[in-house]
């Protein structure tokens, strides 16, 4: 909870990309809102 599902956020909020430590330009597939949690898939494919 507390993370927005986006690559970057204009409001400066924490994004799911802050949790992914990988040297590739991946992005989330689909969404979970800021107050929701659980399974999220990210890819560069």
ModelCIF file with pLDDT and N, C-alpha, C, O atoms, coordinates in Angstrom:
data_MODEL
#
_entry.id   MODEL 
#
_entity.id                         1 
_entity.type                       polymer 
_entity.pdbx_number_of_molecules   1 
#
_entity_poly.entity_id                      1 
_entity_poly.type                           'polypeptide(L)' 
_entity_poly.nstd_linkage                   no 
_entity_poly.nstd_monomer                   no 
_entity_poly.pdbx_seq_one_letter_code       
;(UNK)(UNK)(UNK)(UNK)(UNK)(UNK)(UNK)(UNK)(UNK)(UNK)(UNK)(UNK)(UNK)(UNK)(UNK)(UNK)
(UNK)(UNK)(UNK)(UNK)(UNK)(UNK)(UNK)(UNK)(UNK)(UNK)(UNK)(UNK)(UNK)(UNK)(UNK)(UNK)
(UNK)(UNK)(UNK)(UNK)(UNK)(UNK)(UNK)(UNK)(UNK)(UNK)(UNK)(UNK)(UNK)
;
_entity_poly.pdbx_seq_one_letter_code_can   XXXXXXXXXXXXXXXXXXXXXXXXXXXXXXXXXXXXXXXXXXXXX 
_entity_poly.pdbx_strand_id                 A 
#
loop_
_entity_poly_seq.entity_id 
_entity_poly_seq.num 
_entity_poly_seq.mon_id 
_entity_poly_seq.hetero 
1 1  UNK n 
1 2  UNK n 
1 3  UNK n 
1 4  UNK n 
1 5  UNK n 
1 6  UNK n 
1 7  UNK n 
1 8  UNK n 
1 9  UNK n 
1 10 UNK n 
1 11 UNK n 
1 12 UNK n 
1 13 UNK n 
1 14 UNK n 
1 15 UNK n 
1 16 UNK n 
1 17 UNK n 
1 18 UNK n 
1 19 UNK n 
1 20 UNK n 
1 21 UNK n 
1 22 UNK n 
1 23 UNK n 
1 24 UNK n 
1 25 UNK n 
1 26 UNK n 
1 27 UNK n 
1 28 UNK n 
1 29 UNK n 
1 30 UNK n 
1 31 UNK n 
1 32 UNK n 
1 33 UNK n 
1 34 UNK n 
1 35 UNK n 
1 36 UNK n 
1 37 UNK n 
1 38 UNK n 
1 39 UNK n 
1 40 UNK n 
1 41 UNK n 
1 42 UNK n 
1 43 UNK n 
1 44 UNK n 
1 45 UNK n 
#
_struct_asym.id          A 
_struct_asym.entity_id   1 
#
loop_
_ma_qa_metric.id 
_ma_qa_metric.mode 
_ma_qa_metric.name 
_ma_qa_metric.software_group_id 
_ma_qa_metric.type 
1 global pLDDT . pLDDT 
2 local  pLDDT . pLDDT 
#
_ma_qa_metric_global.metric_id      1 
_ma_qa_metric_global.metric_value   92.27 
_ma_qa_metric_global.model_id       1 
_ma_qa_metric_global.ordinal_id     1 
#
loop_
_ma_qa_metric_local.label_asym_id 
_ma_qa_metric_local.label_comp_id 
_ma_qa_metric_local.label_seq_id 
_ma_qa_metric_local.metric_id 
_ma_qa_metric_local.metric_value 
_ma_qa_metric_local.model_id 
_ma_qa_metric_local.ordinal_id 
A UNK 1  2 97.00 1 1  
A UNK 2  2 96.00 1 2  
A UNK 3  2 97.00 1 3  
A UNK 4  2 96.00 1 4  
A UNK 5  2 94.00 1 5  
A UNK 6  2 90.00 1 6  
A UNK 7  2 89.00 1 7  
A UNK 8  2 86.00 1 8  
A UNK 9  2 86.00 1 9  
A UNK 10 2 85.00 1 10 
A UNK 11 2 89.00 1 11 
A UNK 12 2 90.00 1 12 
A UNK 13 2 94.00 1 13 
A UNK 14 2 95.00 1 14 
A UNK 15 2 96.00 1 15 
A UNK 16 2 97.00 1 16 
A UNK 17 2 95.00 1 17 
A UNK 18 2 95.00 1 18 
A UNK 19 2 96.00 1 19 
A UNK 20 2 94.00 1 20 
A UNK 21 2 89.00 1 21 
A UNK 22 2 86.00 1 22 
A UNK 23 2 81.00 1 23 
A UNK 24 2 83.00 1 24 
A UNK 25 2 84.00 1 25 
A UNK 26 2 90.00 1 26 
A UNK 27 2 91.00 1 27 
A UNK 28 2 94.00 1 28 
A UNK 29 2 91.00 1 29 
A UNK 30 2 87.00 1 30 
A UNK 31 2 89.00 1 31 
A UNK 32 2 94.00 1 32 
A UNK 33 2 94.00 1 33 
A UNK 34 2 95.00 1 34 
A UNK 35 2 96.00 1 35 
A UNK 36 2 97.00 1 36 
A UNK 37 2 98.00 1 37 
A UNK 38 2 98.00 1 38 
A UNK 39 2 98.00 1 39 
A UNK 40 2 97.00 1 40 
A UNK 41 2 97.00 1 41 
A UNK 42 2 96.00 1 42 
A UNK 43 2 93.00 1 43 
A UNK 44 2 89.00 1 44 
A UNK 45 2 88.00 1 45 
#
loop_
_atom_site.group_PDB 
_atom_site.id 
_atom_site.type_symbol 
_atom_site.label_atom_id 
_atom_site.label_alt_id 
_atom_site.label_comp_id 
_atom_site.label_asym_id 
_atom_site.label_entity_id 
_atom_site.label_seq_id 
_atom_site.pdbx_PDB_ins_code 
_atom_site.Cartn_x 
_atom_site.Cartn_y 
_atom_site.Cartn_z 
_atom_site.occupancy 
_atom_site.B_iso_or_equiv 
_atom_site.pdbx_formal_charge 
_atom_site.auth_seq_id 
_atom_site.auth_comp_id 
_atom_site.auth_asym_id 
_atom_site.auth_atom_id 
_atom_site.pdbx_PDB_model_num 
ATOM 1   N N  . UNK A 1 1  ? 0.843  -1.189 0.000   1.00 97.00 ? 1  UNK A N  1 
ATOM 2   C CA . UNK A 1 1  ? 0.000  0.000  0.000   1.00 97.00 ? 1  UNK A CA 1 
ATOM 3   C C  . UNK A 1 1  ? 0.882  1.245  0.000   1.00 97.00 ? 1  UNK A C  1 
ATOM 4   O O  . UNK A 1 1  ? 2.008  1.222  0.497   1.00 97.00 ? 1  UNK A O  1 
ATOM 5   N N  . UNK A 1 2  ? 0.353  2.334  -0.566  1.00 96.00 ? 2  UNK A N  1 
ATOM 6   C CA . UNK A 1 2  ? 1.076  3.598  -0.518  1.00 96.00 ? 2  UNK A CA 1 
ATOM 7   C C  . UNK A 1 2  ? 1.905  3.905  -1.753  1.00 96.00 ? 2  UNK A C  1 
ATOM 8   O O  . UNK A 1 2  ? 2.500  4.978  -1.843  1.00 96.00 ? 2  UNK A O  1 
ATOM 9   N N  . UNK A 1 3  ? 1.953  2.976  -2.710  1.00 97.00 ? 3  UNK A N  1 
ATOM 10  C CA . UNK A 1 3  ? 2.709  3.187  -3.943  1.00 97.00 ? 3  UNK A CA 1 
ATOM 11  C C  . UNK A 1 3  ? 1.742  3.312  -5.120  1.00 97.00 ? 3  UNK A C  1 
ATOM 12  O O  . UNK A 1 3  ? 0.769  2.563  -5.214  1.00 97.00 ? 3  UNK A O  1 
ATOM 13  N N  . UNK A 1 4  ? 2.014  4.263  -6.017  1.00 96.00 ? 4  UNK A N  1 
ATOM 14  C CA . UNK A 1 4  ? 1.171  4.410  -7.195  1.00 96.00 ? 4  UNK A CA 1 
ATOM 15  C C  . UNK A 1 4  ? 1.742  3.554  -8.326  1.00 96.00 ? 4  UNK A C  1 
ATOM 16  O O  . UNK A 1 4  ? 2.955  3.380  -8.443  1.00 96.00 ? 4  UNK A O  1 
ATOM 17  N N  . UNK A 1 5  ? 0.843  3.027  -9.151  1.00 94.00 ? 5  UNK A N  1 
ATOM 18  C CA . UNK A 1 5  ? 1.249  2.130  -10.237 1.00 94.00 ? 5  UNK A CA 1 
ATOM 19  C C  . UNK A 1 5  ? 1.504  2.949  -11.490 1.00 94.00 ? 5  UNK A C  1 
ATOM 20  O O  . UNK A 1 5  ? 0.644  3.070  -12.362 1.00 94.00 ? 5  UNK A O  1 
ATOM 21  N N  . UNK A 1 6  ? 2.695  3.506  -11.560 1.00 90.00 ? 6  UNK A N  1 
ATOM 22  C CA . UNK A 1 6  ? 3.092  4.296  -12.710 1.00 90.00 ? 6  UNK A CA 1 
ATOM 23  C C  . UNK A 1 6  ? 4.612  4.347  -12.744 1.00 90.00 ? 6  UNK A C  1 
ATOM 24  O O  . UNK A 1 6  ? 5.275  4.080  -11.741 1.00 90.00 ? 6  UNK A O  1 
ATOM 25  N N  . UNK A 1 7  ? 5.156  4.691  -13.900 1.00 89.00 ? 7  UNK A N  1 
ATOM 26  C CA . UNK A 1 7  ? 6.620  4.761  -14.033 1.00 89.00 ? 7  UNK A CA 1 
ATOM 27  C C  . UNK A 1 7  ? 7.157  5.993  -13.327 1.00 89.00 ? 7  UNK A C  1 
ATOM 28  O O  . UNK A 1 7  ? 8.217  5.937  -12.704 1.00 89.00 ? 7  UNK A O  1 
ATOM 29  N N  . UNK A 1 8  ? 6.440  7.105  -13.416 1.00 86.00 ? 8  UNK A N  1 
ATOM 30  C CA . UNK A 1 8  ? 6.830  8.330  -12.715 1.00 86.00 ? 8  UNK A CA 1 
ATOM 31  C C  . UNK A 1 8  ? 5.570  9.045  -12.250 1.00 86.00 ? 8  UNK A C  1 
ATOM 32  O O  . UNK A 1 8  ? 4.481  8.794  -12.766 1.00 86.00 ? 8  UNK A O  1 
ATOM 33  N N  . UNK A 1 9  ? 5.720  9.937  -11.275 1.00 86.00 ? 9  UNK A N  1 
ATOM 34  C CA . UNK A 1 9  ? 4.552  10.618 -10.714 1.00 86.00 ? 9  UNK A CA 1 
ATOM 35  C C  . UNK A 1 9  ? 4.840  12.104 -10.578 1.00 86.00 ? 9  UNK A C  1 
ATOM 36  O O  . UNK A 1 9  ? 5.808  12.502 -9.929  1.00 86.00 ? 9  UNK A O  1 
ATOM 37  N N  . UNK A 1 10 ? 3.992  12.923 -11.194 1.00 85.00 ? 10 UNK A N  1 
ATOM 38  C CA . UNK A 1 10 ? 4.200  14.368 -11.178 1.00 85.00 ? 10 UNK A CA 1 
ATOM 39  C C  . UNK A 1 10 ? 4.055  14.967 -9.786  1.00 85.00 ? 10 UNK A C  1 
ATOM 40  O O  . UNK A 1 10 ? 4.567  16.055 -9.519  1.00 85.00 ? 10 UNK A O  1 
ATOM 41  N N  . UNK A 1 11 ? 3.351  14.252 -8.886  1.00 89.00 ? 11 UNK A N  1 
ATOM 42  C CA . UNK A 1 11 ? 3.158  14.756 -7.524  1.00 89.00 ? 11 UNK A CA 1 
ATOM 43  C C  . UNK A 1 11 ? 4.278  14.319 -6.577  1.00 89.00 ? 11 UNK A C  1 
ATOM 44  O O  . UNK A 1 11 ? 4.270  14.661 -5.394  1.00 89.00 ? 11 UNK A O  1 
ATOM 45  N N  . UNK A 1 12 ? 5.228  13.570 -7.102  1.00 90.00 ? 12 UNK A N  1 
ATOM 46  C CA . UNK A 1 12 ? 6.357  13.151 -6.272  1.00 90.00 ? 12 UNK A CA 1 
ATOM 47  C C  . UNK A 1 12 ? 6.054  12.001 -5.333  1.00 90.00 ? 12 UNK A C  1 
ATOM 48  O O  . UNK A 1 12 ? 6.802  11.768 -4.384  1.00 90.00 ? 12 UNK A O  1 
ATOM 49  N N  . UNK A 1 13 ? 4.962  11.273 -5.581  1.00 94.00 ? 13 UNK A N  1 
ATOM 50  C CA . UNK A 1 13 ? 4.619  10.143 -4.719  1.00 94.00 ? 13 UNK A CA 1 
ATOM 51  C C  . UNK A 1 13 ? 5.497  8.931  -5.049  1.00 94.00 ? 13 UNK A C  1 
ATOM 52  O O  . UNK A 1 13 ? 6.089  8.847  -6.125  1.00 94.00 ? 13 UNK A O  1 
ATOM 53  N N  . UNK A 1 14 ? 5.563  8.000  -4.100  1.00 95.00 ? 14 UNK A N  1 
ATOM 54  C CA . UNK A 1 14 ? 6.324  6.779  -4.329  1.00 95.00 ? 14 UNK A CA 1 
ATOM 55  C C  . UNK A 1 14 ? 5.635  5.962  -5.425  1.00 95.00 ? 14 UNK A C  1 
ATOM 56  O O  . UNK A 1 14 ? 4.411  5.834  -5.433  1.00 95.00 ? 14 UNK A O  1 
ATOM 57  N N  . UNK A 1 15 ? 6.428  5.411  -6.348  1.00 96.00 ? 15 UNK A N  1 
ATOM 58  C CA . UNK A 1 15 ? 5.874  4.581  -7.413  1.00 96.00 ? 15 UNK A CA 1 
ATOM 59  C C  . UNK A 1 15 ? 6.403  3.161  -7.283  1.00 96.00 ? 15 UNK A C  1 
ATOM 60  O O  . UNK A 1 15 ? 7.380  2.910  -6.577  1.00 96.00 ? 15 UNK A O  1 
ATOM 61  N N  . UNK A 1 16 ? 5.750  2.239  -7.971  1.00 97.00 ? 16 UNK A N  1 
ATOM 62  C CA . UNK A 1 16 ? 6.185  0.845  -7.921  1.00 97.00 ? 16 UNK A CA 1 
ATOM 63  C C  . UNK A 1 16 ? 7.594  0.676  -8.488  1.00 97.00 ? 16 UNK A C  1 
ATOM 64  O O  . UNK A 1 16 ? 8.266  -0.309 -8.183  1.00 97.00 ? 16 UNK A O  1 
ATOM 65  N N  . UNK A 1 17 ? 8.050  1.631  -9.314  1.00 95.00 ? 17 UNK A N  1 
ATOM 66  C CA . UNK A 1 17 ? 9.388  1.539  -9.867  1.00 95.00 ? 17 UNK A CA 1 
ATOM 67  C C  . UNK A 1 17 ? 10.458 1.701  -8.797  1.00 95.00 ? 17 UNK A C  1 
ATOM 68  O O  . UNK A 1 17 ? 11.594 1.265  -8.987  1.00 95.00 ? 17 UNK A O  1 
ATOM 69  N N  . UNK A 1 18 ? 10.110 2.322  -7.677  1.00 95.00 ? 18 UNK A N  1 
ATOM 70  C CA . UNK A 1 18 ? 11.057 2.451  -6.558  1.00 95.00 ? 18 UNK A CA 1 
ATOM 71  C C  . UNK A 1 18 ? 11.386 1.096  -5.944  1.00 95.00 ? 18 UNK A C  1 
ATOM 72  O O  . UNK A 1 18 ? 12.368 0.965  -5.213  1.00 95.00 ? 18 UNK A O  1 
ATOM 73  N N  . UNK A 1 19 ? 10.566 0.086  -6.240  1.00 96.00 ? 19 UNK A N  1 
ATOM 74  C CA . UNK A 1 19 ? 10.749 -1.240 -5.651  1.00 96.00 ? 19 UNK A CA 1 
ATOM 75  C C  . UNK A 1 19 ? 11.436 -2.220 -6.605  1.00 96.00 ? 19 UNK A C  1 
ATOM 76  O O  . UNK A 1 19 ? 11.729 -3.358 -6.236  1.00 96.00 ? 19 UNK A O  1 
ATOM 77  N N  . UNK A 1 20 ? 11.687 -1.766 -7.829  1.00 94.00 ? 20 UNK A N  1 
ATOM 78  C CA . UNK A 1 20 ? 12.259 -2.656 -8.851  1.00 94.00 ? 20 UNK A CA 1 
ATOM 79  C C  . UNK A 1 20 ? 13.692 -2.236 -9.139  1.00 94.00 ? 20 UNK A C  1 
ATOM 80  O O  . UNK A 1 20 ? 13.927 -1.162 -9.692  1.00 94.00 ? 20 UNK A O  1 
ATOM 81  N N  . UNK A 1 21 ? 14.638 -3.068 -8.770  1.00 89.00 ? 21 UNK A N  1 
ATOM 82  C CA . UNK A 1 21 ? 16.059 -2.773 -8.965  1.00 89.00 ? 21 UNK A CA 1 
ATOM 83  C C  . UNK A 1 21 ? 16.593 -3.604 -10.129 1.00 89.00 ? 21 UNK A C  1 
ATOM 84  O O  . UNK A 1 21 ? 17.126 -4.698 -9.943  1.00 89.00 ? 21 UNK A O  1 
ATOM 85  N N  . UNK A 1 22 ? 16.435 -3.055 -11.331 1.00 86.00 ? 22 UNK A N  1 
ATOM 86  C CA . UNK A 1 22 ? 16.854 -3.784 -12.521 1.00 86.00 ? 22 UNK A CA 1 
ATOM 87  C C  . UNK A 1 22 ? 17.318 -2.792 -13.575 1.00 86.00 ? 22 UNK A C  1 
ATOM 88  O O  . UNK A 1 22 ? 16.740 -1.714 -13.712 1.00 86.00 ? 22 UNK A O  1 
ATOM 89  N N  . UNK A 1 23 ? 18.348 -3.146 -14.314 1.00 81.00 ? 23 UNK A N  1 
ATOM 90  C CA . UNK A 1 23 ? 18.922 -2.253 -15.313 1.00 81.00 ? 23 UNK A CA 1 
ATOM 91  C C  . UNK A 1 23 ? 18.219 -2.436 -16.653 1.00 81.00 ? 23 UNK A C  1 
ATOM 92  O O  . UNK A 1 23 ? 18.835 -2.841 -17.639 1.00 81.00 ? 23 UNK A O  1 
ATOM 93  N N  . UNK A 1 24 ? 16.944 -2.137 -16.677 1.00 83.00 ? 24 UNK A N  1 
ATOM 94  C CA . UNK A 1 24 ? 16.146 -2.217 -17.902 1.00 83.00 ? 24 UNK A CA 1 
ATOM 95  C C  . UNK A 1 24 ? 14.929 -1.316 -17.718 1.00 83.00 ? 24 UNK A C  1 
ATOM 96  O O  . UNK A 1 24 ? 14.513 -1.045 -16.592 1.00 83.00 ? 24 UNK A O  1 
ATOM 97  N N  . UNK A 1 25 ? 14.369 -0.861 -18.821 1.00 84.00 ? 25 UNK A N  1 
ATOM 98  C CA . UNK A 1 25 ? 13.242 0.060  -18.774 1.00 84.00 ? 25 UNK A CA 1 
ATOM 99  C C  . UNK A 1 25 ? 11.942 -0.735 -18.776 1.00 84.00 ? 25 UNK A C  1 
ATOM 100 O O  . UNK A 1 25 ? 11.290 -0.866 -19.812 1.00 84.00 ? 25 UNK A O  1 
ATOM 101 N N  . UNK A 1 26 ? 11.570 -1.264 -17.619 1.00 90.00 ? 26 UNK A N  1 
ATOM 102 C CA . UNK A 1 26 ? 10.334 -2.020 -17.497 1.00 90.00 ? 26 UNK A CA 1 
ATOM 103 C C  . UNK A 1 26 ? 9.202  -1.095 -17.069 1.00 90.00 ? 26 UNK A C  1 
ATOM 104 O O  . UNK A 1 26 ? 9.440  0.030  -16.631 1.00 90.00 ? 26 UNK A O  1 
ATOM 105 N N  . UNK A 1 27 ? 7.982  -1.573 -17.196 1.00 91.00 ? 27 UNK A N  1 
ATOM 106 C CA . UNK A 1 27 ? 6.813  -0.787 -16.794 1.00 91.00 ? 27 UNK A CA 1 
ATOM 107 C C  . UNK A 1 27 ? 5.707  -1.734 -16.335 1.00 91.00 ? 27 UNK A C  1 
ATOM 108 O O  . UNK A 1 27 ? 5.675  -2.895 -16.743 1.00 91.00 ? 27 UNK A O  1 
ATOM 109 N N  . UNK A 1 28 ? 4.800  -1.246 -15.488 1.00 94.00 ? 28 UNK A N  1 
ATOM 110 C CA . UNK A 1 28 ? 3.730  -2.109 -14.975 1.00 94.00 ? 28 UNK A CA 1 
ATOM 111 C C  . UNK A 1 28 ? 2.683  -2.428 -16.023 1.00 94.00 ? 28 UNK A C  1 
ATOM 112 O O  . UNK A 1 28 ? 2.345  -1.592 -16.861 1.00 94.00 ? 28 UNK A O  1 
ATOM 113 N N  . UNK A 1 29 ? 2.168  -3.667 -15.963 1.00 91.00 ? 29 UNK A N  1 
ATOM 114 C CA . UNK A 1 29 ? 1.095  -4.104 -16.848 1.00 91.00 ? 29 UNK A CA 1 
ATOM 115 C C  . UNK A 1 29 ? -0.198 -4.051 -16.049 1.00 91.00 ? 29 UNK A C  1 
ATOM 116 O O  . UNK A 1 29 ? -0.365 -4.805 -15.090 1.00 91.00 ? 29 UNK A O  1 
ATOM 117 N N  . UNK A 1 30 ? -1.111 -3.173 -16.432 1.00 87.00 ? 30 UNK A N  1 
ATOM 118 C CA . UNK A 1 30 ? -2.329 -2.998 -15.638 1.00 87.00 ? 30 UNK A CA 1 
ATOM 119 C C  . UNK A 1 30 ? -2.050 -2.142 -14.417 1.00 87.00 ? 30 UNK A C  1 
ATOM 120 O O  . UNK A 1 30 ? -0.985 -1.535 -14.297 1.00 87.00 ? 30 UNK A O  1 
ATOM 121 N N  . UNK A 1 31 ? -3.030 -2.101 -13.501 1.00 89.00 ? 31 UNK A N  1 
ATOM 122 C CA . UNK A 1 31 ? -2.922 -1.189 -12.361 1.00 89.00 ? 31 UNK A CA 1 
ATOM 123 C C  . UNK A 1 31 ? -3.419 -1.820 -11.063 1.00 89.00 ? 31 UNK A C  1 
ATOM 124 O O  . UNK A 1 31 ? -4.254 -2.724 -11.056 1.00 89.00 ? 31 UNK A O  1 
ATOM 125 N N  . UNK A 1 32 ? -2.872 -1.307 -9.976  1.00 94.00 ? 32 UNK A N  1 
ATOM 126 C CA . UNK A 1 32 ? -3.455 -1.437 -8.642  1.00 94.00 ? 32 UNK A CA 1 
ATOM 127 C C  . UNK A 1 32 ? -3.430 -0.031 -8.065  1.00 94.00 ? 32 UNK A C  1 
ATOM 128 O O  . UNK A 1 32 ? -2.400 0.639  -8.139  1.00 94.00 ? 32 UNK A O  1 
ATOM 129 N N  . UNK A 1 33 ? -4.539 0.435  -7.489  1.00 94.00 ? 33 UNK A N  1 
ATOM 130 C CA . UNK A 1 33 ? -4.543 1.811  -6.998  1.00 94.00 ? 33 UNK A CA 1 
ATOM 131 C C  . UNK A 1 33 ? -3.642 1.959  -5.776  1.00 94.00 ? 33 UNK A C  1 
ATOM 132 O O  . UNK A 1 33 ? -3.168 0.970  -5.218  1.00 94.00 ? 33 UNK A O  1 
ATOM 133 N N  . UNK A 1 34 ? -3.415 3.184  -5.376  1.00 95.00 ? 34 UNK A N  1 
ATOM 134 C CA . UNK A 1 34 ? -2.439 3.516  -4.333  1.00 95.00 ? 34 UNK A CA 1 
ATOM 135 C C  . UNK A 1 34 ? -2.695 2.764  -3.028  1.00 95.00 ? 34 UNK A C  1 
ATOM 136 O O  . UNK A 1 34 ? -1.747 2.355  -2.358  1.00 95.00 ? 34 UNK A O  1 
ATOM 137 N N  . UNK A 1 35 ? -3.956 2.577  -2.661  1.00 96.00 ? 35 UNK A N  1 
ATOM 138 C CA . UNK A 1 35 ? -4.280 1.943  -1.383  1.00 96.00 ? 35 UNK A CA 1 
ATOM 139 C C  . UNK A 1 35 ? -4.442 0.432  -1.492  1.00 96.00 ? 35 UNK A C  1 
ATOM 140 O O  . UNK A 1 35 ? -4.723 -0.234 -0.495  1.00 96.00 ? 35 UNK A O  1 
ATOM 141 N N  . UNK A 1 36 ? -4.269 -0.115 -2.693  1.00 97.00 ? 36 UNK A N  1 
ATOM 142 C CA . UNK A 1 36 ? -4.381 -1.561 -2.876  1.00 97.00 ? 36 UNK A CA 1 
ATOM 143 C C  . UNK A 1 36 ? -3.000 -2.197 -2.908  1.00 97.00 ? 36 UNK A C  1 
ATOM 144 O O  . UNK A 1 36 ? -1.989 -1.508 -3.048  1.00 97.00 ? 36 UNK A O  1 
ATOM 145 N N  . UNK A 1 37 ? -2.968 -3.512 -2.776  1.00 98.00 ? 37 UNK A N  1 
ATOM 146 C CA . UNK A 1 37 ? -1.688 -4.223 -2.713  1.00 98.00 ? 37 UNK A CA 1 
ATOM 147 C C  . UNK A 1 37 ? -1.798 -5.540 -3.466  1.00 98.00 ? 37 UNK A C  1 
ATOM 148 O O  . UNK A 1 37 ? -2.867 -5.930 -3.934  1.00 98.00 ? 37 UNK A O  1 
ATOM 149 N N  . UNK A 1 38 ? -0.651 -6.212 -3.568  1.00 98.00 ? 38 UNK A N  1 
ATOM 150 C CA . UNK A 1 38 ? -0.675 -7.542 -4.140  1.00 98.00 ? 38 UNK A CA 1 
ATOM 151 C C  . UNK A 1 38 ? 0.029  -7.659 -5.475  1.00 98.00 ? 38 UNK A C  1 
ATOM 152 O O  . UNK A 1 38 ? 0.925  -6.881 -5.800  1.00 98.00 ? 38 UNK A O  1 
ATOM 153 N N  . UNK A 1 39 ? -0.401 -8.654 -6.243  1.00 98.00 ? 39 UNK A N  1 
ATOM 154 C CA . UNK A 1 39 ? 0.298  -9.085 -7.451  1.00 98.00 ? 39 UNK A CA 1 
ATOM 155 C C  . UNK A 1 39 ? 0.234  -8.050 -8.572  1.00 98.00 ? 39 UNK A C  1 
ATOM 156 O O  . UNK A 1 39 ? -0.839 -7.628 -9.001  1.00 98.00 ? 39 UNK A O  1 
ATOM 157 N N  . UNK A 1 40 ? 1.429  -7.659 -9.031  1.00 97.00 ? 40 UNK A N  1 
ATOM 158 C CA . UNK A 1 40 ? 1.553  -6.751 -10.159 1.00 97.00 ? 40 UNK A CA 1 
ATOM 159 C C  . UNK A 1 40 ? 2.672  -7.290 -11.050 1.00 97.00 ? 40 UNK A C  1 
ATOM 160 O O  . UNK A 1 40 ? 3.717  -7.715 -10.555 1.00 97.00 ? 40 UNK A O  1 
ATOM 161 N N  . UNK A 1 41 ? 2.451  -7.271 -12.358 1.00 97.00 ? 41 UNK A N  1 
ATOM 162 C CA . UNK A 1 41 ? 3.455  -7.750 -13.301 1.00 97.00 ? 41 UNK A CA 1 
ATOM 163 C C  . UNK A 1 41 ? 4.068  -6.561 -14.028 1.00 97.00 ? 41 UNK A C  1 
ATOM 164 O O  . UNK A 1 41 ? 3.358  -5.648 -14.449 1.00 97.00 ? 41 UNK A O  1 
ATOM 165 N N  . UNK A 1 42 ? 5.402  -6.578 -14.173 1.00 96.00 ? 42 UNK A N  1 
ATOM 166 C CA . UNK A 1 42 ? 6.121  -5.548 -14.911 1.00 96.00 ? 42 UNK A CA 1 
ATOM 167 C C  . UNK A 1 42 ? 6.950  -6.222 -15.997 1.00 96.00 ? 42 UNK A C  1 
ATOM 168 O O  . UNK A 1 42 ? 7.416  -7.348 -15.821 1.00 96.00 ? 42 UNK A O  1 
ATOM 169 N N  . UNK A 1 43 ? 7.134  -5.529 -17.124 1.00 93.00 ? 43 UNK A N  1 
ATOM 170 C CA . UNK A 1 43 ? 7.876  -6.115 -18.231 1.00 93.00 ? 43 UNK A CA 1 
ATOM 171 C C  . UNK A 1 43 ? 8.418  -5.023 -19.134 1.00 93.00 ? 43 UNK A C  1 
ATOM 172 O O  . UNK A 1 43 ? 8.032  -3.861 -19.009 1.00 93.00 ? 43 UNK A O  1 
ATOM 173 N N  . UNK A 1 44 ? 9.307  -5.390 -20.040 1.00 89.00 ? 44 UNK A N  1 
ATOM 174 C CA . UNK A 1 44 ? 9.722  -4.508 -21.130 1.00 89.00 ? 44 UNK A CA 1 
ATOM 175 C C  . UNK A 1 44 ? 9.362  -5.118 -22.474 1.00 89.00 ? 44 UNK A C  1 
ATOM 176 O O  . UNK A 1 44 ? 9.834  -4.664 -23.516 1.00 89.00 ? 44 UNK A O  1 
ATOM 177 N N  . UNK A 1 45 ? 8.531  -6.139 -22.446 1.00 88.00 ? 45 UNK A N  1 
ATOM 178 C CA . UNK A 1 45 ? 8.081  -6.837 -23.646 1.00 88.00 ? 45 UNK A CA 1 
ATOM 179 C C  . UNK A 1 45 ? 6.701  -6.307 -24.029 1.00 88.00 ? 45 UNK A C  1 
ATOM 180 O O  . UNK A 1 45 ? 6.120  -6.754 -25.018 1.00 88.00 ? 45 UNK A O  1 
#
